């Protein structure tokens, strides 16, 4: 079955990067955009914070994903302090032509002043070396302090990286809806990465419509709510000491929204039990949850993580499911409004 692809309208190819003196927006206009498979692969697991993943398992996961039609990989310089980027870089030598997005900024204390051109160049040099490329396809600010999104000098510096042909395009990864809307208003922003899943519906209200109107790509992250929406967990599930679903349950190390989408674990389990009967025969709950995201107008790519080849293949197959019924979408909204909205909607 052909793999469904969607277009990053502002994501230029490296060959069509704007010449020196042109803006990042010109770079996007110069290219014809970039098509990617609607289900990508998030590579946080290949670096750290989800329990141990061996290099052999990481390479097998990447190979299985690509064989299943995945063309978009998302990583960050902080995942395993570069391990995820390095593994992907070695994989790219044998599998050219993939689109790789990385992120920068979380390896330093989170002060707005750290987001400057000198640091950007240094961070960029490290990521290019890790990935083994001259030009990065897409670099995203990695959930920086909120004032960064409103700082003209930050986006001037990102435009400079495009002019220097260090990056083909840039975007942002955000925690909050308001941050996303501020970024979408920037003419050079190619993409916004935001938490979107059946337990986090707020981006549907304003972010996805604004991005679609502006031609900005939407990368949906944490699509399975840290595994909650796989339906495999219960009250007796335990997570390792090196797994953020253990050590960041209450936001001890980074924004709690990154762990179970900020939904209290027991509430998430209750929501999943309400949703499980909606899964059609022959599909897993994880695939159903990914299909729910794919159905949302304005989503460019969803980036589930995977710890092994089987998970990668199963996730990619979600794109082959038929769109969910209107009744299923209504049921998701009902469960969200009753159980989840009071706990998360106004926080992010």
C-alpha atoms as a PDB file:
ATOM      1  CA  UNK A   1       0.000   0.000   0.000  1.00  0.00           C
ATOM      2  CA  UNK A   2       1.529   3.405  -0.924  1.00  0.00           C
ATOM      3  CA  UNK A   3       2.798   5.388   2.038  1.00  0.00           C
ATOM      4  CA  UNK A   4       0.781   8.565   2.621  1.00  0.00           C
ATOM      5  CA  UNK A   5       2.982  11.648   2.376  1.00  0.00           C
ATOM      6  CA  UNK A   6       2.444  15.216   3.472  1.00  0.00           C
ATOM      7  CA  UNK A   7       4.371  18.357   2.644  1.00  0.00           C
ATOM      8  CA  UNK A   8       6.393  20.754   4.747  1.00  0.00           C
ATOM      9  CA  UNK A   9       5.637  23.801   2.616  1.00  0.00           C
ATOM     10  CA  UNK A  10       8.517  25.832   4.053  1.00  0.00           C
ATOM     11  CA  UNK A  11      11.050  23.038   4.369  1.00  0.00           C
ATOM     12  CA  UNK A  12      13.498  23.618   1.528  1.00  0.00           C
ATOM     13  CA  UNK A  13      15.914  21.017   0.273  1.00  0.00           C
ATOM     14  CA  UNK A  14      19.574  21.630   0.977  1.00  0.00           C
ATOM     15  CA  UNK A  15      20.109  22.336  -2.721  1.00  0.00           C
ATOM     16  CA  UNK A  16      17.638  25.210  -2.626  1.00  0.00           C
ATOM     17  CA  UNK A  17      18.864  27.022   0.474  1.00  0.00           C
ATOM     18  CA  UNK A  18      18.534  30.761   0.067  1.00  0.00           C
ATOM     19  CA  UNK A  19      21.708  32.517  -1.078  1.00  0.00           C
ATOM     20  CA  UNK A  20      23.627  34.776   1.270  1.00  0.00           C
ATOM     21  CA  UNK A  21      21.554  37.828   2.119  1.00  0.00           C
ATOM     22  CA  UNK A  22      18.185  36.129   1.609  1.00  0.00           C
ATOM     23  CA  UNK A  23      15.837  35.306   4.466  1.00  0.00           C
ATOM     24  CA  UNK A  24      14.809  31.921   5.768  1.00  0.00           C
ATOM     25  CA  UNK A  25      11.358  32.582   4.367  1.00  0.00           C
ATOM     26  CA  UNK A  26      12.967  33.053   0.944  1.00  0.00           C
ATOM     27  CA  UNK A  27      14.648  29.671   1.412  1.00  0.00           C
ATOM     28  CA  UNK A  28      11.295  28.016   1.922  1.00  0.00           C
ATOM     29  CA  UNK A  29       9.842  29.801  -1.078  1.00  0.00           C
ATOM     30  CA  UNK A  30      12.823  28.886  -3.244  1.00  0.00           C
ATOM     31  CA  UNK A  31      12.343  25.197  -2.607  1.00  0.00           C
ATOM     32  CA  UNK A  32       9.254  23.254  -3.449  1.00  0.00           C
ATOM     33  CA  UNK A  33       8.823  22.053   0.102  1.00  0.00           C
ATOM     34  CA  UNK A  34       9.623  18.562   1.303  1.00  0.00           C
ATOM     35  CA  UNK A  35       7.342  15.527   1.297  1.00  0.00           C
ATOM     36  CA  UNK A  36       7.580  13.077   4.200  1.00  0.00           C
ATOM     37  CA  UNK A  37       5.695   9.992   5.271  1.00  0.00           C
ATOM     38  CA  UNK A  38       2.898  11.010   7.616  1.00  0.00           C
ATOM     39  CA  UNK A  39       4.210   8.656  10.330  1.00  0.00           C
ATOM     40  CA  UNK A  40       7.821   9.377  11.256  1.00  0.00           C
ATOM     41  CA  UNK A  41      10.069   8.162  14.047  1.00  0.00           C
ATOM     42  CA  UNK A  42      10.950   9.989  17.238  1.00  0.00           C
ATOM     43  CA  UNK A  43      14.483   9.052  18.310  1.00  0.00           C
ATOM     44  CA  UNK A  44      14.535  10.093  21.973  1.00  0.00           C
ATOM     45  CA  UNK A  45      14.452   6.412  22.951  1.00  0.00           C
ATOM     46  CA  UNK A  46      17.611   5.758  20.946  1.00  0.00           C
ATOM     47  CA  UNK A  47      19.521   8.198  23.111  1.00  0.00           C
ATOM     48  CA  UNK A  48      18.374   7.997  26.722  1.00  0.00           C
ATOM     49  CA  UNK A  49      15.618   8.390  29.298  1.00  0.00           C
ATOM     50  CA  UNK A  50      13.517   5.364  28.273  1.00  0.00           C
ATOM     51  CA  UNK A  51      15.675   2.587  29.639  1.00  0.00           C
ATOM     52  CA  UNK A  52      18.628   1.002  27.918  1.00  0.00           C
ATOM     53  CA  UNK A  53      18.493   0.555  24.130  1.00  0.00           C
ATOM     54  CA  UNK A  54      21.559  -1.117  22.642  1.00  0.00           C
ATOM     55  CA  UNK A  55      23.144   0.193  19.444  1.00  0.00           C
ATOM     56  CA  UNK A  56      22.168  -3.004  17.640  1.00  0.00           C
ATOM     57  CA  UNK A  57      18.553  -2.519  18.709  1.00  0.00           C
ATOM     58  CA  UNK A  58      18.703   1.147  17.696  1.00  0.00           C
ATOM     59  CA  UNK A  59      19.949   0.324  14.187  1.00  0.00           C
ATOM     60  CA  UNK A  60      17.350  -2.434  13.845  1.00  0.00           C
ATOM     61  CA  UNK A  61      14.632   0.013  14.893  1.00  0.00           C
ATOM     62  CA  UNK A  62      15.741   2.585  12.324  1.00  0.00           C
ATOM     63  CA  UNK A  63      15.978  -0.021   9.567  1.00  0.00           C
ATOM     64  CA  UNK A  64      12.538  -1.429  10.321  1.00  0.00           C
ATOM     65  CA  UNK A  65      11.002   2.051  10.336  1.00  0.00           C
ATOM     66  CA  UNK A  66      12.530   3.012   7.011  1.00  0.00           C
ATOM     67  CA  UNK A  67      11.622  -0.327   5.442  1.00  0.00           C
ATOM     68  CA  UNK A  68       8.025   0.353   6.542  1.00  0.00           C
ATOM     69  CA  UNK A  69       7.964   3.711   4.759  1.00  0.00           C
ATOM     70  CA  UNK A  70       9.201   6.160   7.412  1.00  0.00           C
ATOM     71  CA  UNK A  71      11.154   9.031   5.829  1.00  0.00           C
ATOM     72  CA  UNK A  72      11.240  11.553   8.715  1.00  0.00           C
ATOM     73  CA  UNK A  73      13.422  11.111  11.801  1.00  0.00           C
ATOM     74  CA  UNK A  74      13.317  13.478  14.772  1.00  0.00           C
ATOM     75  CA  UNK A  75      16.181  13.692  17.249  1.00  0.00           C
ATOM     76  CA  UNK A  76      17.941  16.245  19.470  1.00  0.00           C
ATOM     77  CA  UNK A  77      21.455  17.088  20.583  1.00  0.00           C
ATOM     78  CA  UNK A  78      20.494  16.373  24.184  1.00  0.00           C
ATOM     79  CA  UNK A  79      19.201  12.821  23.625  1.00  0.00           C
ATOM     80  CA  UNK A  80      21.924  10.770  25.259  1.00  0.00           C
ATOM     81  CA  UNK A  81      24.125  13.891  24.982  1.00  0.00           C
ATOM     82  CA  UNK A  82      24.477  13.275  21.250  1.00  0.00           C
ATOM     83  CA  UNK A  83      24.124   9.489  21.158  1.00  0.00           C
ATOM     84  CA  UNK A  84      20.848   9.578  19.242  1.00  0.00           C
ATOM     85  CA  UNK A  85      22.280  11.955  16.619  1.00  0.00           C
ATOM     86  CA  UNK A  86      25.421   9.849  16.265  1.00  0.00           C
ATOM     87  CA  UNK A  87      23.473   6.629  15.734  1.00  0.00           C
ATOM     88  CA  UNK A  88      21.287   8.302  13.127  1.00  0.00           C
ATOM     89  CA  UNK A  89      24.377   9.761  11.473  1.00  0.00           C
ATOM     90  CA  UNK A  90      25.895   6.320  11.038  1.00  0.00           C
ATOM     91  CA  UNK A  91      22.577   5.006   9.750  1.00  0.00           C
ATOM     92  CA  UNK A  92      22.348   7.828   7.181  1.00  0.00           C
ATOM     93  CA  UNK A  93      25.585   6.726   5.531  1.00  0.00           C
ATOM     94  CA  UNK A  94      23.794   3.592   4.362  1.00  0.00           C
ATOM     95  CA  UNK A  95      20.343   5.176   3.952  1.00  0.00           C
ATOM     96  CA  UNK A  96      20.672   8.603   2.314  1.00  0.00           C
ATOM     97  CA  UNK A  97      17.678  10.704   1.369  1.00  0.00           C
ATOM     98  CA  UNK A  98      15.866  10.712   4.688  1.00  0.00           C
ATOM     99  CA  UNK A  99      14.700  13.960   6.291  1.00  0.00           C
ATOM    100  CA  UNK A 100      16.267  14.432   9.718  1.00  0.00           C
ATOM    101  CA  UNK A 101      15.104  17.061  12.177  1.00  0.00           C
ATOM    102  CA  UNK A 102      17.180  17.786  15.233  1.00  0.00           C
ATOM    103  CA  UNK A 103      16.782  20.192  18.131  1.00  0.00           C
ATOM    104  CA  UNK A 104      19.115  22.452  20.074  1.00  0.00           C
ATOM    105  CA  UNK A 105      19.258  24.402  23.304  1.00  0.00           C
ATOM    106  CA  UNK A 106      18.604  21.983  26.162  1.00  0.00           C
ATOM    107  CA  UNK A 107      22.242  21.183  26.949  1.00  0.00           C
ATOM    108  CA  UNK A 108      22.752  24.520  28.736  1.00  0.00           C
ATOM    109  CA  UNK A 109      21.028  26.330  31.616  1.00  0.00           C
ATOM    110  CA  UNK A 110      17.702  27.597  30.368  1.00  0.00           C
ATOM    111  CA  UNK A 111      18.329  31.342  30.247  1.00  0.00           C
ATOM    112  CA  UNK A 112      17.037  33.409  27.307  1.00  0.00           C
ATOM    113  CA  UNK A 113      20.488  34.972  26.900  1.00  0.00           C
ATOM    114  CA  UNK A 114      21.903  31.547  25.931  1.00  0.00           C
ATOM    115  CA  UNK A 115      19.934  31.669  22.681  1.00  0.00           C
ATOM    116  CA  UNK A 116      22.401  33.706  20.614  1.00  0.00           C
ATOM    117  CA  UNK A 117      24.246  33.350  17.319  1.00  0.00           C
ATOM    118  CA  UNK A 118      27.577  32.244  18.811  1.00  0.00           C
ATOM    119  CA  UNK A 119      25.926  29.435  20.747  1.00  0.00           C
ATOM    120  CA  UNK A 120      23.768  28.498  17.775  1.00  0.00           C
ATOM    121  CA  UNK A 121      26.864  28.081  15.612  1.00  0.00           C
ATOM    122  CA  UNK A 122      28.580  25.964  18.246  1.00  0.00           C
ATOM    123  CA  UNK A 123      25.521  23.777  18.832  1.00  0.00           C
ATOM    124  CA  UNK A 124      25.021  23.504  15.081  1.00  0.00           C
ATOM    125  CA  UNK A 125      28.631  22.439  14.499  1.00  0.00           C
ATOM    126  CA  UNK A 126      28.245  19.667  17.076  1.00  0.00           C
ATOM    127  CA  UNK A 127      25.001  18.364  15.557  1.00  0.00           C
ATOM    128  CA  UNK A 128      26.399  18.457  12.014  1.00  0.00           C
ATOM    129  CA  UNK A 129      29.405  16.446  13.206  1.00  0.00           C
ATOM    130  CA  UNK A 130      27.199  13.965  15.063  1.00  0.00           C
ATOM    131  CA  UNK A 131      24.967  13.478  12.036  1.00  0.00           C
ATOM    132  CA  UNK A 132      27.802  13.583   9.508  1.00  0.00           C
ATOM    133  CA  UNK A 133      26.204  16.220   7.262  1.00  0.00           C
ATOM    134  CA  UNK A 134      27.205  19.661   6.036  1.00  0.00           C
ATOM    135  CA  UNK A 135      23.686  21.075   6.177  1.00  0.00           C
ATOM    136  CA  UNK A 136      21.010  20.065   8.659  1.00  0.00           C
ATOM    137  CA  UNK A 137      17.554  19.569   7.147  1.00  0.00           C
ATOM    138  CA  UNK A 138      15.639  21.126  10.030  1.00  0.00           C
ATOM    139  CA  UNK A 139      16.819  22.544  13.355  1.00  0.00           C
ATOM    140  CA  UNK A 140      14.288  23.286  16.073  1.00  0.00           C
ATOM    141  CA  UNK A 141      14.656  25.374  19.201  1.00  0.00           C
ATOM    142  CA  UNK A 142      14.101  22.768  21.899  1.00  0.00           C
ATOM    143  CA  UNK A 143      11.344  24.109  24.172  1.00  0.00           C
ATOM    144  CA  UNK A 144      13.301  27.218  25.172  1.00  0.00           C
ATOM    145  CA  UNK A 145      12.180  29.754  27.792  1.00  0.00           C
ATOM    146  CA  UNK A 146       9.013  31.495  26.660  1.00  0.00           C
ATOM    147  CA  UNK A 147      10.633  34.933  26.020  1.00  0.00           C
ATOM    148  CA  UNK A 148      12.840  33.368  23.336  1.00  0.00           C
ATOM    149  CA  UNK A 149       9.894  33.022  20.957  1.00  0.00           C
ATOM    150  CA  UNK A 150       9.379  36.803  21.030  1.00  0.00           C
ATOM    151  CA  UNK A 151      13.026  37.824  20.619  1.00  0.00           C
ATOM    152  CA  UNK A 152      13.812  39.207  17.161  1.00  0.00           C
ATOM    153  CA  UNK A 153      17.550  38.596  17.558  1.00  0.00           C
ATOM    154  CA  UNK A 154      16.945  34.863  17.992  1.00  0.00           C
ATOM    155  CA  UNK A 155      15.214  34.571  14.629  1.00  0.00           C
ATOM    156  CA  UNK A 156      17.757  36.866  12.982  1.00  0.00           C
ATOM    157  CA  UNK A 157      20.423  34.414  14.181  1.00  0.00           C
ATOM    158  CA  UNK A 158      18.480  31.475  12.776  1.00  0.00           C
ATOM    159  CA  UNK A 159      18.177  33.300   9.447  1.00  0.00           C
ATOM    160  CA  UNK A 160      21.958  33.692   9.521  1.00  0.00           C
ATOM    161  CA  UNK A 161      22.409  29.931   9.903  1.00  0.00           C
ATOM    162  CA  UNK A 162      20.292  29.465   6.775  1.00  0.00           C
ATOM    163  CA  UNK A 163      22.340  32.063   4.902  1.00  0.00           C
ATOM    164  CA  UNK A 164      25.529  30.290   5.964  1.00  0.00           C
ATOM    165  CA  UNK A 165      24.062  27.013   4.642  1.00  0.00           C
ATOM    166  CA  UNK A 166      24.463  25.343   8.016  1.00  0.00           C
ATOM    167  CA  UNK A 167      20.741  24.569   8.070  1.00  0.00           C
ATOM    168  CA  UNK A 168      18.108  24.258   5.365  1.00  0.00           C
ATOM    169  CA  UNK A 169      15.265  25.405   7.602  1.00  0.00           C
ATOM    170  CA  UNK A 170      14.342  26.023  11.214  1.00  0.00           C
ATOM    171  CA  UNK A 171      11.399  25.494  13.490  1.00  0.00           C
ATOM    172  CA  UNK A 172      10.468  25.380  17.142  1.00  0.00           C
ATOM    173  CA  UNK A 173       9.404  22.772  19.660  1.00  0.00           C
ATOM    174  CA  UNK A 174       6.991  24.173  22.217  1.00  0.00           C
ATOM    175  CA  UNK A 175       5.271  23.293  25.455  1.00  0.00           C
ATOM    176  CA  UNK A 176       2.438  25.820  25.270  1.00  0.00           C
ATOM    177  CA  UNK A 177      -0.165  26.805  22.709  1.00  0.00           C
ATOM    178  CA  UNK A 178       0.717  30.478  23.131  1.00  0.00           C
ATOM    179  CA  UNK A 179       4.357  29.755  22.262  1.00  0.00           C
ATOM    180  CA  UNK A 180       3.265  27.956  19.113  1.00  0.00           C
ATOM    181  CA  UNK A 181       1.105  30.856  17.968  1.00  0.00           C
ATOM    182  CA  UNK A 182       3.938  33.340  18.560  1.00  0.00           C
ATOM    183  CA  UNK A 183       6.291  31.201  16.484  1.00  0.00           C
ATOM    184  CA  UNK A 184       3.792  30.662  13.656  1.00  0.00           C
ATOM    185  CA  UNK A 185       3.647  34.430  13.193  1.00  0.00           C
ATOM    186  CA  UNK A 186       7.385  34.435  12.337  1.00  0.00           C
ATOM    187  CA  UNK A 187       7.791  34.318   8.523  1.00  0.00           C
ATOM    188  CA  UNK A 188      10.860  32.061   8.603  1.00  0.00           C
ATOM    189  CA  UNK A 189       9.493  29.342  10.860  1.00  0.00           C
ATOM    190  CA  UNK A 190       9.052  26.119   8.890  1.00  0.00           C
ATOM    191  CA  UNK A 191       7.571  23.921  11.588  1.00  0.00           C
ATOM    192  CA  UNK A 192       6.109  23.746  15.063  1.00  0.00           C
ATOM    193  CA  UNK A 193       6.492  20.604  17.145  1.00  0.00           C
ATOM    194  CA  UNK A 194       3.850  20.271  19.835  1.00  0.00           C
ATOM    195  CA  UNK A 195       2.349  17.611  22.083  1.00  0.00           C
ATOM    196  CA  UNK A 196      -0.808  16.353  20.414  1.00  0.00           C
ATOM    197  CA  UNK A 197      -2.653  13.152  21.213  1.00  0.00           C
ATOM    198  CA  UNK A 198      -6.048  11.866  22.307  1.00  0.00           C
ATOM    199  CA  UNK A 199      -5.308  13.132  25.846  1.00  0.00           C
ATOM    200  CA  UNK A 200      -4.057  16.580  24.720  1.00  0.00           C
ATOM    201  CA  UNK A 201      -6.607  18.251  22.446  1.00  0.00           C
ATOM    202  CA  UNK A 202      -5.970  21.941  23.024  1.00  0.00           C
ATOM    203  CA  UNK A 203      -3.769  22.457  19.898  1.00  0.00           C
ATOM    204  CA  UNK A 204      -6.762  21.569  17.737  1.00  0.00           C
ATOM    205  CA  UNK A 205      -8.500  24.810  18.703  1.00  0.00           C
ATOM    206  CA  UNK A 206      -6.049  27.417  17.406  1.00  0.00           C
ATOM    207  CA  UNK A 207      -2.596  26.028  16.649  1.00  0.00           C
ATOM    208  CA  UNK A 208      -3.433  23.653  13.804  1.00  0.00           C
ATOM    209  CA  UNK A 209      -5.678  26.151  11.982  1.00  0.00           C
ATOM    210  CA  UNK A 210      -3.085  28.940  12.355  1.00  0.00           C
ATOM    211  CA  UNK A 211      -0.273  26.704  11.111  1.00  0.00           C
ATOM    212  CA  UNK A 212      -2.295  25.561   8.114  1.00  0.00           C
ATOM    213  CA  UNK A 213      -3.129  29.152   7.186  1.00  0.00           C
ATOM    214  CA  UNK A 214       0.544  30.152   7.428  1.00  0.00           C
ATOM    215  CA  UNK A 215       1.959  27.111   5.632  1.00  0.00           C
ATOM    216  CA  UNK A 216       3.795  25.979   8.766  1.00  0.00           C
ATOM    217  CA  UNK A 217       4.274  22.251   9.282  1.00  0.00           C
ATOM    218  CA  UNK A 218       2.986  20.566  12.436  1.00  0.00           C
ATOM    219  CA  UNK A 219       5.069  17.800  14.029  1.00  0.00           C
ATOM    220  CA  UNK A 220       2.941  15.935  16.585  1.00  0.00           C
ATOM    221  CA  UNK A 221       5.052  14.637  19.429  1.00  0.00           C
ATOM    222  CA  UNK A 222       4.312  12.460  22.479  1.00  0.00           C
ATOM    223  CA  UNK A 223       1.558  10.902  20.352  1.00  0.00           C
ATOM    224  CA  UNK A 224       1.016   7.936  22.646  1.00  0.00           C
ATOM    225  CA  UNK A 225       1.240   9.934  25.891  1.00  0.00           C
ATOM    226  CA  UNK A 226       4.495   8.190  26.861  1.00  0.00           C
ATOM    227  CA  UNK A 227       2.937   4.815  26.127  1.00  0.00           C
ATOM    228  CA  UNK A 228      -0.324   5.301  28.002  1.00  0.00           C
ATOM    229  CA  UNK A 229      -2.254   5.209  24.737  1.00  0.00           C
ATOM    230  CA  UNK A 230      -0.685   1.909  23.780  1.00  0.00           C
ATOM    231  CA  UNK A 231      -3.105   0.310  26.243  1.00  0.00           C
ATOM    232  CA  UNK A 232      -0.332  -1.911  27.606  1.00  0.00           C
ATOM    233  CA  UNK A 233      -0.003  -0.365  31.071  1.00  0.00           C
ATOM    234  CA  UNK A 234      -1.977  -0.746  34.282  1.00  0.00           C
ATOM    235  CA  UNK A 235      -1.697   0.113  37.972  1.00  0.00           C
ATOM    236  CA  UNK A 236       0.955  -2.575  38.436  1.00  0.00           C
ATOM    237  CA  UNK A 237       3.308  -1.440  35.644  1.00  0.00           C
ATOM    238  CA  UNK A 238       6.735  -0.317  36.859  1.00  0.00           C
ATOM    239  CA  UNK A 239       9.351   1.734  35.032  1.00  0.00           C
ATOM    240  CA  UNK A 240      13.114   1.627  35.449  1.00  0.00           C
ATOM    241  CA  UNK A 241      15.106   4.148  37.422  1.00  0.00           C
ATOM    242  CA  UNK A 242      16.546   5.537  34.164  1.00  0.00           C
ATOM    243  CA  UNK A 243      13.089   5.954  32.583  1.00  0.00           C
ATOM    244  CA  UNK A 244      11.528   9.429  32.718  1.00  0.00           C
ATOM    245  CA  UNK A 245       8.140   7.809  33.366  1.00  0.00           C
ATOM    246  CA  UNK A 246       9.611   7.036  36.774  1.00  0.00           C
ATOM    247  CA  UNK A 247      11.882   9.958  37.626  1.00  0.00           C
ATOM    248  CA  UNK A 248       9.891  12.778  35.964  1.00  0.00           C
ATOM    249  CA  UNK A 249       6.395  11.706  37.019  1.00  0.00           C
ATOM    250  CA  UNK A 250       5.901  15.066  38.754  1.00  0.00           C
ATOM    251  CA  UNK A 251       8.184  17.242  36.610  1.00  0.00           C
ATOM    252  CA  UNK A 252      11.295  16.749  38.703  1.00  0.00           C
ATOM    253  CA  UNK A 253      13.724  16.968  35.747  1.00  0.00           C
ATOM    254  CA  UNK A 254      11.843  18.761  32.930  1.00  0.00           C
ATOM    255  CA  UNK A 255       8.344  19.872  32.036  1.00  0.00           C
ATOM    256  CA  UNK A 256       5.883  17.329  33.379  1.00  0.00           C
ATOM    257  CA  UNK A 257       3.897  17.634  30.168  1.00  0.00           C
ATOM    258  CA  UNK A 258       6.548  15.493  28.462  1.00  0.00           C
ATOM    259  CA  UNK A 259       5.708  12.560  30.754  1.00  0.00           C
ATOM    260  CA  UNK A 260       2.289  10.983  30.156  1.00  0.00           C
ATOM    261  CA  UNK A 261       1.358  14.333  28.537  1.00  0.00           C
ATOM    262  CA  UNK A 262       1.052  15.792  32.029  1.00  0.00           C
ATOM    263  CA  UNK A 263      -1.965  13.596  32.775  1.00  0.00           C
ATOM    264  CA  UNK A 264      -1.894  11.913  36.201  1.00  0.00           C
ATOM    265  CA  UNK A 265      -1.111   8.266  35.558  1.00  0.00           C
ATOM    266  CA  UNK A 266      -4.243   6.837  37.155  1.00  0.00           C
ATOM    267  CA  UNK A 267      -6.482   9.286  35.278  1.00  0.00           C
ATOM    268  CA  UNK A 268      -4.764   8.345  32.041  1.00  0.00           C
ATOM    269  CA  UNK A 269      -5.436   4.678  32.694  1.00  0.00           C
ATOM    270  CA  UNK A 270      -9.108   5.421  33.254  1.00  0.00           C
ATOM    271  CA  UNK A 271      -9.308   7.390  30.001  1.00  0.00           C
ATOM    272  CA  UNK A 272      -7.622   4.601  28.070  1.00  0.00           C
ATOM    273  CA  UNK A 273     -10.102   2.064  29.400  1.00  0.00           C
ATOM    274  CA  UNK A 274     -12.919   4.255  28.117  1.00  0.00           C
ATOM    275  CA  UNK A 275     -11.299   4.549  24.697  1.00  0.00           C
ATOM    276  CA  UNK A 276     -10.177   0.954  24.198  1.00  0.00           C
ATOM    277  CA  UNK A 277     -13.563  -0.343  22.914  1.00  0.00           C
ATOM    278  CA  UNK A 278     -13.276   2.075  19.974  1.00  0.00           C
ATOM    279  CA  UNK A 279     -10.282   0.227  18.510  1.00  0.00           C
ATOM    280  CA  UNK A 280     -11.372  -1.730  15.411  1.00  0.00           C
ATOM    281  CA  UNK A 281     -10.561  -5.415  14.966  1.00  0.00           C
ATOM    282  CA  UNK A 282      -7.107  -6.029  13.563  1.00  0.00           C
ATOM    283  CA  UNK A 283      -5.629  -2.805  14.939  1.00  0.00           C
ATOM    284  CA  UNK A 284      -3.733  -2.143  18.132  1.00  0.00           C
ATOM    285  CA  UNK A 285      -4.693   0.662  20.447  1.00  0.00           C
ATOM    286  CA  UNK A 286      -1.397   2.409  19.656  1.00  0.00           C
ATOM    287  CA  UNK A 287      -2.179   2.320  15.944  1.00  0.00           C
ATOM    288  CA  UNK A 288      -5.664   3.650  16.602  1.00  0.00           C
ATOM    289  CA  UNK A 289      -4.251   6.506  18.695  1.00  0.00           C
ATOM    290  CA  UNK A 290      -1.765   7.389  15.951  1.00  0.00           C
ATOM    291  CA  UNK A 291      -4.512   7.298  13.332  1.00  0.00           C
ATOM    292  CA  UNK A 292      -6.515   9.744  15.459  1.00  0.00           C
ATOM    293  CA  UNK A 293      -3.630  12.217  15.080  1.00  0.00           C
ATOM    294  CA  UNK A 294      -3.182  11.544  11.360  1.00  0.00           C
ATOM    295  CA  UNK A 295      -6.873  12.388  10.900  1.00  0.00           C
ATOM    296  CA  UNK A 296      -6.405  15.915  12.255  1.00  0.00           C
ATOM    297  CA  UNK A 297      -6.300  18.570   9.504  1.00  0.00           C
ATOM    298  CA  UNK A 298      -2.979  20.387   9.519  1.00  0.00           C
ATOM    299  CA  UNK A 299      -0.809  17.605  10.943  1.00  0.00           C
ATOM    300  CA  UNK A 300       2.253  17.073   8.757  1.00  0.00           C
ATOM    301  CA  UNK A 301       3.934  14.186  10.555  1.00  0.00           C
ATOM    302  CA  UNK A 302       3.506  12.303  13.823  1.00  0.00           C
ATOM    303  CA  UNK A 303       6.651  11.021  15.526  1.00  0.00           C
ATOM    304  CA  UNK A 304       6.057   8.025  17.796  1.00  0.00           C
ATOM    305  CA  UNK A 305       9.140   6.573  19.396  1.00  0.00           C
ATOM    306  CA  UNK A 306      10.072   2.928  19.237  1.00  0.00           C
ATOM    307  CA  UNK A 307      12.460   0.811  21.278  1.00  0.00           C
ATOM    308  CA  UNK A 308      12.657  -2.086  18.834  1.00  0.00           C
ATOM    309  CA  UNK A 309      11.950  -3.095  15.251  1.00  0.00           C
ATOM    310  CA  UNK A 310       8.511  -4.559  15.951  1.00  0.00           C
ATOM    311  CA  UNK A 311       7.289  -1.339  17.526  1.00  0.00           C
ATOM    312  CA  UNK A 312       8.653   0.693  14.620  1.00  0.00           C
ATOM    313  CA  UNK A 313       6.856  -1.459  12.059  1.00  0.00           C
ATOM    314  CA  UNK A 314       3.598  -1.445  14.018  1.00  0.00           C
ATOM    315  CA  UNK A 315       3.667   2.343  14.390  1.00  0.00           C
ATOM    316  CA  UNK A 316       4.294   2.891  10.687  1.00  0.00           C
ATOM    317  CA  UNK A 317       1.339   0.647   9.852  1.00  0.00           C
ATOM    318  CA  UNK A 318      -1.000   3.107  11.579  1.00  0.00           C
ATOM    319  CA  UNK A 319      -0.970   5.162   8.393  1.00  0.00           C
ATOM    320  CA  UNK A 320      -2.675   2.255   6.620  1.00  0.00           C
ATOM    321  CA  UNK A 321      -5.713   2.269   8.913  1.00  0.00           C
ATOM    322  CA  UNK A 322      -8.915   3.771   7.595  1.00  0.00           C
ATOM    323  CA  UNK A 323      -9.762   7.187   9.040  1.00  0.00           C
ATOM    324  CA  UNK A 324     -11.613   6.930  12.323  1.00  0.00           C
ATOM    325  CA  UNK A 325     -15.365   7.322  12.320  1.00  0.00           C
ATOM    326  CA  UNK A 326     -17.030  10.571  13.399  1.00  0.00           C
ATOM    327  CA  UNK A 327     -18.397   8.636  16.384  1.00  0.00           C
ATOM    328  CA  UNK A 328     -14.868   7.683  17.450  1.00  0.00           C
ATOM    329  CA  UNK A 329     -13.676  11.280  17.216  1.00  0.00           C
ATOM    330  CA  UNK A 330     -16.692  12.417  19.233  1.00  0.00           C
ATOM    331  CA  UNK A 331     -15.945   9.804  21.881  1.00  0.00           C
ATOM    332  CA  UNK A 332     -12.354  11.040  22.223  1.00  0.00           C
ATOM    333  CA  UNK A 333     -13.641  14.565  22.775  1.00  0.00           C
ATOM    334  CA  UNK A 334     -16.153  13.331  25.348  1.00  0.00           C
ATOM    335  CA  UNK A 335     -13.540  11.430  27.357  1.00  0.00           C
ATOM    336  CA  UNK A 336     -11.189  14.403  27.177  1.00  0.00           C
ATOM    337  CA  UNK A 337     -13.819  16.855  28.360  1.00  0.00           C
ATOM    338  CA  UNK A 338     -14.936  14.656  31.246  1.00  0.00           C
ATOM    339  CA  UNK A 339     -11.611  13.329  32.572  1.00  0.00           C
ATOM    340  CA  UNK A 340      -8.676  15.243  31.124  1.00  0.00           C
ATOM    341  CA  UNK A 341      -9.636  18.835  30.340  1.00  0.00           C
ATOM    342  CA  UNK A 342      -9.894  20.021  33.970  1.00  0.00           C
ATOM    343  CA  UNK A 343      -6.353  18.764  34.641  1.00  0.00           C
ATOM    344  CA  UNK A 344      -4.354  19.824  31.587  1.00  0.00           C
ATOM    345  CA  UNK A 345      -6.218  22.182  29.271  1.00  0.00           C
ATOM    346  CA  UNK A 346      -5.271  25.469  30.942  1.00  0.00           C
ATOM    347  CA  UNK A 347      -1.703  24.408  31.791  1.00  0.00           C
ATOM    348  CA  UNK A 348      -0.332  24.114  28.280  1.00  0.00           C
END
